[in-house]
Amino acid sequence: MHRRLGTRVAVAHFSTADLPERAKTVIIGGGCIGCGIAYSLVKAGEKDVVVLEKEPALANVTTAQVHPFKSGMRAAGLVGQVRDNLERVKLAMWSVQTFSDLQQDSDYNPNWRQVGSLRVAYTKERQEEFNKMLNAGLHVETLSPKAAQKMWPGMNFEKATSILWCPTDGYLQPCDLAFSYQHQSRRMNGAKFVTDAWVEDIELSPEGTHVKAVKTNRGTIKCDTVINAAGAHAYHIAKLVGLELPIVPVRHEYFITEPTVPPTITPNLPVMRIPDATLYLRPDVNGLLLGGWEPNGLSLDPRSYPITQKPPAIAEDWPVLSTLGEELAPTYPQVNELGIRAVFSGWPTFTPDGRFIIGPTKKVRGFIMAGGCNAHGVSGSAGIGHHVVESMFEKDPSPYVRSLSPDRFTDGSWDWDKAEKQARHIYETYYHIRKT
């Protein structure tokens, strides 16, 4: 593969509100998670929600709002429901239904492309894993290599041991999703969105038992509840109320190729995952978006950068990026002929046990976590919002939602070095077969 980067940038515009003096609920973080939680709260009947975003626009960091033809940050926007965990399947199915509902809005839809997905196995062990996934409560079927090749021209599936087809999977643009959440929340008169609002501190009661206000560079907003959806800064926000949580940013990279000539790749081709090669791909205009999970991940200790600064910029790691093309070549030989149009990288956050950190803490009343999403932030945003609502308002949340509580870390002791290593391992083994 050869490198070729352009310079064209598309910019999204939207208006923002002034900072109110008070709100019932303040959400910190205006990415897909924060906006999705706002939407879920308003759908549940809440009418006094304020979302704070430190950037000039929503979804501008982990789920980056710009689709540049140059290096930058943006989530890939893949939405997959086929999982080895029933609760994760349910969460993804909830998100897919939400995206389909949002897509009905002709003015502000999330550009949801329900093109389906192919999941390709090349080993007997992976085939056995796929057989179990057929019984996860989701409509999935197996395809022959010939049938799969008709769906993706130019692909070679002759050596595949199994191919799963999920017709309800797809992909979307993260920025469009965030703006769709925003529009619907506003239309229901339940949420305001304030940008350029850096959180400086969270004011607690004199006893330190509950939240009272959020202090920002634009002023102070009194509130009863604070929801931490701050992505790579979720650690720092939790620290403001005295919580030490192992939320570890791990580097992730992918690239987009130049268009094929002739244009054999079209936007309506399925998403594809090849777990044995730790790869995922989807169409991007008439090019290919290709990413994967590094076997030797690069993580950050969140204590190494302050709340006032972004995580460190990431230079393109060409040895890693080249490996992605090499791994795909046996299945798609043409990848070696395509130039690279854009490289994207970011710091999605992971946890030592691979589970989200969602819900209230008994340490500080009114403080709710929504972090450590383990690379499910965009695709799981609606489901995560649903879990947050359940954790806040249900008298008896489900055992699964209770298992996501931040108190699993605050009630015991843990070591930062070990936690970072374990979180990095979750990233590195993202597509590994889990032993049951």
Protein backbone atom coordinates (compact mmCIF):
# COMPACT_ATOMS: atom_id res chain seq x y z
CA MET A 1 0.00 0.00 0.00
CA HIS A 2 1.18 3.55 -0.63
CA ARG A 3 0.45 6.69 1.37
CA ARG A 4 -1.31 9.68 -0.05
CA LEU A 5 -3.01 12.24 2.16
CA GLY A 6 -5.10 15.19 1.02
CA THR A 7 -6.16 18.32 2.86
CA ARG A 8 -9.91 18.81 2.37
CA VAL A 9 -11.88 19.28 5.59
CA ALA A 10 -15.64 19.36 6.09
CA VAL A 11 -16.91 21.41 9.04
CA ALA A 12 -20.17 20.97 10.94
CA HIS A 13 -22.05 23.97 12.33
CA PHE A 14 -24.68 24.26 15.09
CA SER A 15 -25.82 26.73 17.71
CA THR A 16 -25.21 26.48 21.44
CA ALA A 17 -27.03 27.69 24.55
CA ASP A 18 -25.88 30.01 27.30
CA LEU A 19 -24.96 28.38 30.59
CA PRO A 20 -28.05 28.27 32.83
CA GLU A 21 -27.76 29.07 36.53
CA ARG A 22 -29.37 25.77 37.46
CA ALA A 23 -30.40 22.41 36.02
CA LYS A 24 -31.69 19.21 37.55
CA THR A 25 -29.12 17.11 35.68
CA VAL A 26 -25.77 18.11 34.19
CA ILE A 27 -24.03 15.75 31.76
CA ILE A 28 -20.30 16.31 31.33
CA GLY A 29 -19.23 15.32 27.82
CA GLY A 30 -20.87 16.06 24.48
CA GLY A 31 -19.82 12.98 22.54
CA CYS A 32 -22.15 10.21 21.44
CA ILE A 33 -22.33 8.85 24.99
CA GLY A 34 -23.23 12.18 26.61
CA CYS A 35 -25.70 13.12 23.88
CA GLY A 36 -27.18 9.62 23.93
CA ILE A 37 -27.71 9.84 27.69
CA ALA A 38 -29.41 13.21 27.28
CA TYR A 39 -31.73 11.71 24.67
CA SER A 40 -32.48 8.70 26.91
CA LEU A 41 -33.24 10.93 29.91
CA VAL A 42 -35.57 13.17 27.93
CA LYS A 43 -37.32 10.12 26.46
CA ALA A 44 -37.80 8.93 30.04
CA GLY A 45 -39.55 12.18 30.93
CA GLU A 46 -36.74 14.37 32.23
CA LYS A 47 -37.13 18.03 31.21
CA ASP A 48 -34.19 19.82 32.80
CA VAL A 49 -30.95 18.41 31.36
CA VAL A 50 -27.83 20.36 30.40
CA VAL A 51 -24.96 18.84 28.41
CA LEU A 52 -21.54 20.48 28.80
CA GLU A 53 -18.94 20.05 26.06
CA LYS A 54 -15.47 21.57 26.33
CA GLU A 55 -14.95 21.80 22.56
CA PRO A 56 -16.63 24.31 20.21
CA ALA A 57 -18.69 21.48 18.69
CA LEU A 58 -20.23 18.22 19.83
CA ALA A 59 -18.54 14.86 19.23
CA ASN A 60 -15.18 16.51 18.59
CA VAL A 61 -12.73 14.26 20.45
CA THR A 62 -13.13 10.46 20.73
CA THR A 63 -16.13 10.49 18.38
CA ALA A 64 -14.67 13.38 16.42
CA GLN A 65 -17.10 15.59 14.55
CA VAL A 66 -15.03 16.25 11.44
CA HIS A 67 -14.61 13.86 8.51
CA PRO A 68 -11.26 15.18 7.26
CA PHE A 69 -9.24 13.99 4.32
CA LYS A 70 -6.15 14.22 6.51
CA SER A 71 -4.93 12.72 9.77
CA GLY A 72 -7.26 13.28 12.70
CA MET A 73 -9.58 11.62 15.21
CA ARG A 74 -12.92 9.97 14.53
CA ALA A 75 -14.60 6.78 15.62
CA ALA A 76 -15.25 4.29 12.83
CA GLY A 77 -18.99 4.16 13.55
CA LEU A 78 -19.46 0.40 13.16
CA VAL A 79 -22.56 -1.01 14.80
CA GLY A 80 -22.47 -4.74 15.46
CA GLN A 81 -24.89 -6.83 17.49
CA VAL A 82 -23.20 -10.24 17.23
CA ARG A 83 -21.51 -10.77 20.60
CA ASP A 84 -20.45 -13.62 22.84
CA ASN A 85 -22.30 -12.01 25.76
CA LEU A 86 -26.10 -11.94 25.89
CA GLU A 87 -26.26 -8.63 27.77
CA ARG A 88 -24.02 -6.97 25.19
CA VAL A 89 -26.28 -8.34 22.45
CA LYS A 90 -29.31 -6.78 24.15
CA LEU A 91 -27.50 -3.46 24.52
CA ALA A 92 -26.52 -3.42 20.85
CA MET A 93 -30.04 -4.38 19.76
CA TRP A 94 -31.44 -1.47 21.79
CA SER A 95 -29.01 0.88 20.07
CA VAL A 96 -29.91 -0.42 16.61
CA GLN A 97 -33.61 0.09 17.28
CA THR A 98 -32.88 3.63 18.48
CA PHE A 99 -30.81 4.42 15.39
CA SER A 100 -33.62 3.13 13.18
CA ASP A 101 -36.10 5.35 15.02
CA LEU A 102 -33.83 8.40 14.70
CA GLN A 103 -33.37 7.71 11.01
CA GLN A 104 -37.05 8.50 10.44
CA ASP A 105 -36.30 12.21 10.99
CA SER A 106 -35.71 13.61 7.53
CA ASP A 107 -33.92 16.73 8.84
CA TYR A 108 -31.52 15.44 11.51
CA ASN A 109 -31.06 11.71 11.10
CA PRO A 110 -27.84 9.88 12.07
CA ASN A 111 -27.13 8.73 8.52
CA TRP A 112 -27.74 5.19 9.72
CA ARG A 113 -26.87 2.68 7.00
CA GLN A 114 -28.35 -0.68 7.90
CA VAL A 115 -26.32 -2.59 5.33
CA GLY A 116 -25.82 -5.73 7.39
CA SER A 117 -22.54 -7.33 8.41
CA LEU A 118 -20.39 -10.32 7.54
CA ARG A 119 -18.34 -12.03 10.22
CA VAL A 120 -15.71 -14.32 8.70
CA ALA A 121 -13.97 -17.25 10.41
CA TYR A 122 -10.79 -18.93 9.20
CA THR A 123 -10.24 -21.45 12.01
CA LYS A 124 -12.19 -24.33 13.50
CA GLU A 125 -12.13 -22.67 16.93
CA ARG A 126 -13.67 -19.52 15.50
CA GLN A 127 -16.27 -21.59 13.69
CA GLU A 128 -17.29 -23.11 17.02
CA GLU A 129 -17.57 -19.63 18.51
CA PHE A 130 -19.79 -18.58 15.61
CA ASN A 131 -22.05 -21.59 16.18
CA LYS A 132 -22.68 -20.37 19.74
CA MET A 133 -23.43 -16.87 18.48
CA LEU A 134 -26.27 -18.26 16.37
CA ASN A 135 -28.21 -18.79 19.60
CA ALA A 136 -27.77 -15.35 21.17
CA GLY A 137 -31.33 -14.14 20.56
CA LEU A 138 -30.47 -12.25 17.38
CA HIS A 139 -31.42 -13.03 13.78
CA VAL A 140 -28.14 -14.32 12.32
CA GLU A 141 -27.57 -16.87 9.58
CA THR A 142 -24.62 -18.62 7.98
CA LEU A 143 -23.60 -18.00 4.38
CA SER A 144 -21.57 -20.00 1.91
CA PRO A 145 -18.33 -18.41 0.63
CA LYS A 146 -19.97 -17.98 -2.78
CA ALA A 147 -22.98 -16.15 -1.31
CA ALA A 148 -20.71 -13.87 0.72
CA GLN A 149 -18.59 -13.07 -2.33
CA LYS A 150 -21.70 -11.85 -4.14
CA MET A 151 -22.22 -9.37 -1.30
CA TRP A 152 -18.62 -8.09 -1.38
CA PRO A 153 -17.16 -8.10 -4.91
CA GLY A 154 -13.43 -8.73 -4.99
CA MET A 155 -13.32 -10.61 -1.69
CA ASN A 156 -11.96 -14.16 -1.53
CA PHE A 157 -13.70 -16.30 1.08
CA GLU A 158 -12.66 -19.71 -0.28
CA LYS A 159 -10.71 -20.63 2.86
CA ALA A 160 -13.36 -19.40 5.31
CA THR A 161 -14.60 -22.04 7.76
CA SER A 162 -17.76 -20.10 8.59
CA ILE A 163 -19.40 -16.81 7.64
CA LEU A 164 -22.14 -15.17 9.71
CA TRP A 165 -24.58 -12.71 8.18
CA CYS A 166 -26.46 -10.25 10.40
CA PRO A 167 -28.84 -8.21 8.21
CA THR A 168 -29.68 -5.61 10.88
CA ASP A 169 -26.10 -4.44 11.55
CA GLY A 170 -24.63 -1.39 9.86
CA TYR A 171 -22.67 1.80 10.35
CA LEU A 172 -23.15 5.53 10.80
CA GLN A 173 -21.20 8.76 11.12
CA PRO A 174 -20.61 9.53 14.82
CA CYS A 175 -21.01 13.27 14.37
CA ASP A 176 -24.37 12.78 12.67
CA LEU A 177 -25.49 10.56 15.54
CA ALA A 178 -24.53 13.14 18.17
CA PHE A 179 -26.37 15.90 16.31
CA SER A 180 -29.42 13.65 15.89
CA TYR A 181 -29.50 12.98 19.64
CA GLN A 182 -29.14 16.71 20.24
CA HIS A 183 -31.92 17.66 17.85
CA GLN A 184 -34.39 15.15 19.26
CA SER A 185 -33.59 16.12 22.86
CA ARG A 186 -34.17 19.78 22.03
CA ARG A 187 -37.33 19.04 20.08
CA MET A 188 -38.78 17.34 23.15
CA ASN A 189 -37.88 20.48 25.15
CA GLY A 190 -35.82 18.50 27.60
CA ALA A 191 -32.14 19.37 27.09
CA LYS A 192 -29.78 22.24 26.43
CA PHE A 193 -26.28 21.87 25.00
CA VAL A 194 -23.49 24.23 26.04
CA THR A 195 -20.16 24.12 24.21
CA ASP A 196 -16.82 25.76 25.01
CA ALA A 197 -17.54 24.82 28.62
CA TRP A 198 -14.51 23.39 30.43
CA VAL A 199 -15.32 21.78 33.76
CA GLU A 200 -12.99 23.13 36.44
CA ASP A 201 -14.50 21.61 39.57
CA ILE A 202 -17.56 19.94 41.06
CA GLU A 203 -18.93 21.53 44.21
CA LEU A 204 -20.01 19.12 46.92
CA SER A 205 -22.02 19.63 50.08
CA PRO A 206 -20.01 20.70 53.17
CA GLU A 207 -20.07 17.08 54.31
CA GLY A 208 -18.89 15.89 50.89
CA THR A 209 -21.89 13.59 50.60
CA HIS A 210 -23.64 14.92 47.50
CA VAL A 211 -23.12 17.13 44.45
CA LYS A 212 -24.31 20.73 44.46
CA ALA A 213 -22.88 22.43 41.37
CA VAL A 214 -20.49 22.24 38.43
CA LYS A 215 -17.94 25.01 38.01
CA THR A 216 -16.85 25.82 34.45
CA ASN A 217 -14.89 28.48 32.62
CA ARG A 218 -18.28 29.94 31.66
CA GLY A 219 -19.64 30.09 35.18
CA THR A 220 -21.22 27.81 37.77
CA ILE A 221 -24.35 25.75 37.25
CA LYS A 222 -26.17 24.38 40.30
CA CYS A 223 -27.58 20.88 39.95
CA ASP A 224 -28.83 17.79 41.74
CA THR A 225 -27.15 15.22 39.52
CA VAL A 226 -23.89 15.09 37.56
CA ILE A 227 -23.35 12.42 34.91
CA ASN A 228 -19.74 11.79 33.93
CA ALA A 229 -19.57 10.99 30.20
CA ALA A 230 -16.23 12.70 29.64
CA GLY A 231 -14.47 9.98 27.66
CA ALA A 232 -10.69 10.24 28.01
CA HIS A 233 -11.27 12.78 30.81
CA ALA A 234 -13.73 10.60 32.73
CA TYR A 235 -10.95 9.72 35.18
CA HIS A 236 -10.32 13.40 35.91
CA ILE A 237 -14.00 14.22 36.38
CA ALA A 238 -14.42 11.31 38.81
CA LYS A 239 -11.36 12.51 40.69
CA LEU A 240 -13.07 15.88 41.30
CA VAL A 241 -15.53 14.12 43.63
CA GLY A 242 -12.89 11.91 45.24
CA LEU A 243 -13.31 8.76 43.14
CA GLU A 244 -10.27 6.92 41.82
CA LEU A 245 -11.38 4.82 38.86
CA PRO A 246 -9.22 2.77 36.44
CA ILE A 247 -10.37 4.31 33.17
CA VAL A 248 -7.47 3.74 30.78
CA PRO A 249 -7.12 5.35 27.33
CA VAL A 250 -5.68 2.94 24.75
CA ARG A 251 -4.54 4.01 21.30
CA HIS A 252 -6.57 2.91 18.32
CA GLU A 253 -5.88 3.59 14.64
CA TYR A 254 -7.49 2.95 11.30
CA PHE A 255 -7.23 4.34 7.79
CA ILE A 256 -9.38 5.10 4.77
CA THR A 257 -8.15 4.25 1.29
CA GLU A 258 -8.45 6.10 -1.96
CA PRO A 259 -11.52 5.11 -4.03
CA THR A 260 -11.25 1.98 -6.12
CA VAL A 261 -11.09 2.40 -9.90
CA PRO A 262 -13.55 1.43 -11.22
CA PRO A 263 -15.71 2.14 -8.11
CA THR A 264 -16.28 -1.44 -6.94
CA ILE A 265 -16.73 -0.29 -3.33
CA THR A 266 -20.05 1.44 -2.70
CA PRO A 267 -21.59 2.78 0.54
CA ASN A 268 -24.20 0.01 0.60
CA LEU A 269 -21.75 -2.88 0.95
CA PRO A 270 -21.86 -4.71 4.30
CA VAL A 271 -19.62 -4.09 7.26
CA MET A 272 -17.11 -6.92 7.67
CA ARG A 273 -15.20 -8.35 10.61
CA ILE A 274 -12.41 -10.92 10.38
CA PRO A 275 -11.70 -11.77 14.04
CA ASP A 276 -8.91 -14.26 13.27
CA ALA A 277 -6.98 -11.40 11.67
CA THR A 278 -8.27 -8.91 14.30
CA LEU A 279 -9.63 -6.73 11.48
CA TYR A 280 -12.79 -4.79 10.76
CA LEU A 281 -13.70 -2.90 7.60
CA ARG A 282 -16.52 -1.07 5.93
CA PRO A 283 -17.09 1.07 2.84
CA ASP A 284 -16.31 4.76 3.11
CA VAL A 285 -17.67 6.56 0.05
CA ASN A 286 -15.91 4.52 -2.70
CA GLY A 287 -12.92 3.62 -0.55
CA LEU A 288 -12.27 1.19 2.26
CA LEU A 289 -12.17 1.96 5.98
CA LEU A 290 -9.83 -0.58 7.58
CA GLY A 291 -8.92 -0.96 11.23
CA GLY A 292 -7.80 -3.57 13.70
CA TRP A 293 -6.74 -4.36 17.24
CA GLU A 294 -3.03 -4.19 17.94
CA PRO A 295 -1.42 -7.20 19.66
CA ASN A 296 0.86 -4.83 21.58
CA GLY A 297 -1.33 -1.91 22.55
CA LEU A 298 -0.19 1.53 23.61
CA SER A 299 -1.98 2.85 26.70
CA LEU A 300 -1.94 6.05 28.73
CA ASP A 301 -1.99 6.56 32.45
CA PRO A 302 -4.73 9.24 32.69
CA ARG A 303 -2.81 10.83 35.55
CA SER A 304 -0.12 11.79 33.02
CA TYR A 305 -2.19 14.61 31.52
CA PRO A 306 -4.37 17.18 33.33
CA ILE A 307 -8.07 17.84 33.00
CA THR A 308 -7.26 21.09 31.20
CA GLN A 309 -5.46 19.37 28.32
CA LYS A 310 -6.42 16.92 25.61
CA PRO A 311 -4.77 13.49 25.59
CA PRO A 312 -1.48 13.55 23.67
CA ALA A 313 -1.63 13.76 19.90
CA ILE A 314 -0.93 10.52 18.07
CA ALA A 315 1.52 10.28 15.19
CA GLU A 316 0.70 7.73 12.51
CA ASP A 317 2.27 4.38 13.33
CA TRP A 318 3.00 3.14 9.82
CA PRO A 319 4.30 -0.30 10.85
CA VAL A 320 0.97 -0.94 12.60
CA LEU A 321 -1.09 0.53 9.77
CA SER A 322 0.82 -1.48 7.16
CA THR A 323 0.10 -4.66 9.08
CA LEU A 324 -3.64 -4.05 8.67
CA GLY A 325 -3.28 -4.17 4.89
CA GLU A 326 -1.04 -7.22 5.04
CA GLU A 327 -3.59 -9.10 7.16
CA LEU A 328 -6.43 -8.23 4.80
CA ALA A 329 -4.56 -9.07 1.58
CA PRO A 330 -5.36 -12.84 1.56
CA THR A 331 -9.06 -11.97 1.64
CA TYR A 332 -8.91 -8.78 -0.45
CA PRO A 333 -5.78 -8.70 -2.66
CA GLN A 334 -6.70 -5.32 -4.16
CA VAL A 335 -5.96 -3.59 -0.84
CA ASN A 336 -2.27 -3.52 -1.79
CA GLU A 337 -3.07 -1.35 -4.81
CA LEU A 338 -4.98 1.33 -2.90
CA GLY A 339 -3.44 4.54 -1.62
CA ILE A 340 -4.22 5.77 1.88
CA ARG A 341 -6.45 8.83 1.86
CA ALA A 342 -6.71 9.47 5.60
CA VAL A 343 -5.48 8.12 8.93
CA PHE A 344 -7.57 8.37 12.10
CA SER A 345 -6.46 7.71 15.65
CA GLY A 346 -7.79 8.28 19.12
CA TRP A 347 -7.86 7.19 22.76
CA PRO A 348 -10.96 5.07 23.52
CA THR A 349 -11.06 4.11 27.18
CA PHE A 350 -10.91 0.60 28.61
CA THR A 351 -11.36 -0.93 32.05
CA PRO A 352 -9.42 -3.78 33.71
CA ASP A 353 -12.40 -6.15 33.64
CA GLY A 354 -13.72 -5.15 30.22
CA ARG A 355 -17.05 -3.91 31.61
CA PHE A 356 -18.51 -0.43 31.41
CA ILE A 357 -18.51 1.81 34.46
CA ILE A 358 -22.13 2.89 34.68
CA GLY A 359 -24.38 4.12 37.43
CA PRO A 360 -24.39 5.93 40.77
CA THR A 361 -21.89 5.54 43.58
CA LYS A 362 -22.71 5.28 47.24
CA LYS A 363 -19.70 7.51 47.94
CA VAL A 364 -21.26 10.70 46.53
CA ARG A 365 -25.00 11.08 46.08
CA GLY A 366 -26.01 12.48 42.72
CA PHE A 367 -22.81 11.50 40.88
CA ILE A 368 -23.39 9.07 38.02
CA MET A 369 -20.72 7.36 35.93
CA ALA A 370 -20.89 6.60 32.21
CA GLY A 371 -17.32 5.79 31.22
CA GLY A 372 -14.85 3.07 30.35
CA CYS A 373 -16.87 2.02 27.30
CA ASN A 374 -14.25 -0.37 25.90
CA ALA A 375 -14.66 0.88 22.30
CA HIS A 376 -18.47 0.57 22.39
CA GLY A 377 -19.11 4.29 22.84
CA VAL A 378 -20.72 5.05 19.49
CA SER A 379 -22.39 1.74 18.72
CA GLY A 380 -23.56 1.26 22.30
CA SER A 381 -24.49 4.86 23.05
CA ALA A 382 -28.25 4.36 23.05
CA GLY A 383 -28.00 1.16 25.08
CA ILE A 384 -25.63 2.81 27.54
CA GLY A 385 -28.09 5.69 27.88
CA HIS A 386 -30.79 3.13 28.63
CA HIS A 387 -28.59 1.54 31.31
CA VAL A 388 -27.88 4.94 32.88
CA VAL A 389 -31.60 5.68 33.09
CA GLU A 390 -32.23 2.28 34.65
CA SER A 391 -29.46 2.77 37.21
CA MET A 392 -30.89 6.17 38.20
CA PHE A 393 -34.62 5.51 38.37
CA GLU A 394 -35.27 1.80 38.84
CA LYS A 395 -35.61 0.76 42.47
CA ASP A 396 -34.18 -2.64 41.62
CA PRO A 397 -31.88 -2.43 38.57
CA SER A 398 -31.04 -5.66 36.78
CA PRO A 399 -28.10 -7.72 38.07
CA TYR A 400 -26.17 -6.79 34.92
CA VAL A 401 -26.60 -3.05 35.42
CA ARG A 402 -25.66 -3.41 39.09
CA SER A 403 -22.50 -5.23 38.01
CA LEU A 404 -21.38 -2.09 36.13
CA SER A 405 -21.34 0.08 39.26
CA PRO A 406 -18.24 2.21 39.91
CA ASP A 407 -18.31 0.90 43.47
CA ARG A 408 -16.74 -2.36 42.30
CA PHE A 409 -13.52 -0.35 42.14
CA THR A 410 -14.03 2.14 44.98
CA ASP A 411 -14.98 -0.52 47.55
CA GLY A 412 -11.67 -2.36 47.23
CA SER A 413 -8.04 -1.73 46.48
CA TRP A 414 -6.29 -2.04 43.15
CA ASP A 415 -2.92 -1.18 41.65
CA TRP A 416 -2.60 1.35 38.81
CA ASP A 417 0.16 -0.46 36.94
CA LYS A 418 -1.75 -3.73 37.05
CA ALA A 419 -5.03 -2.03 36.12
CA GLU A 420 -3.48 -0.32 33.11
CA LYS A 421 -1.93 -3.60 31.96
CA GLN A 422 -5.26 -5.42 32.33
CA ALA A 423 -7.17 -2.69 30.48
CA ARG A 424 -4.62 -2.78 27.68
CA HIS A 425 -5.06 -6.57 27.56
CA ILE A 426 -8.80 -6.12 27.04
CA TYR A 427 -7.97 -4.02 23.98
CA GLU A 428 -5.33 -6.44 22.67
CA THR A 429 -7.67 -9.44 22.96
CA TYR A 430 -10.78 -7.66 21.67
CA TYR A 431 -11.49 -10.39 19.11
CA HIS A 432 -10.06 -13.30 21.09
CA ILE A 433 -12.27 -16.29 21.77
CA ARG A 434 -13.53 -16.10 25.35
CA LYS A 435 -13.39 -19.27 27.40
CA THR A 436 -16.72 -20.12 29.03
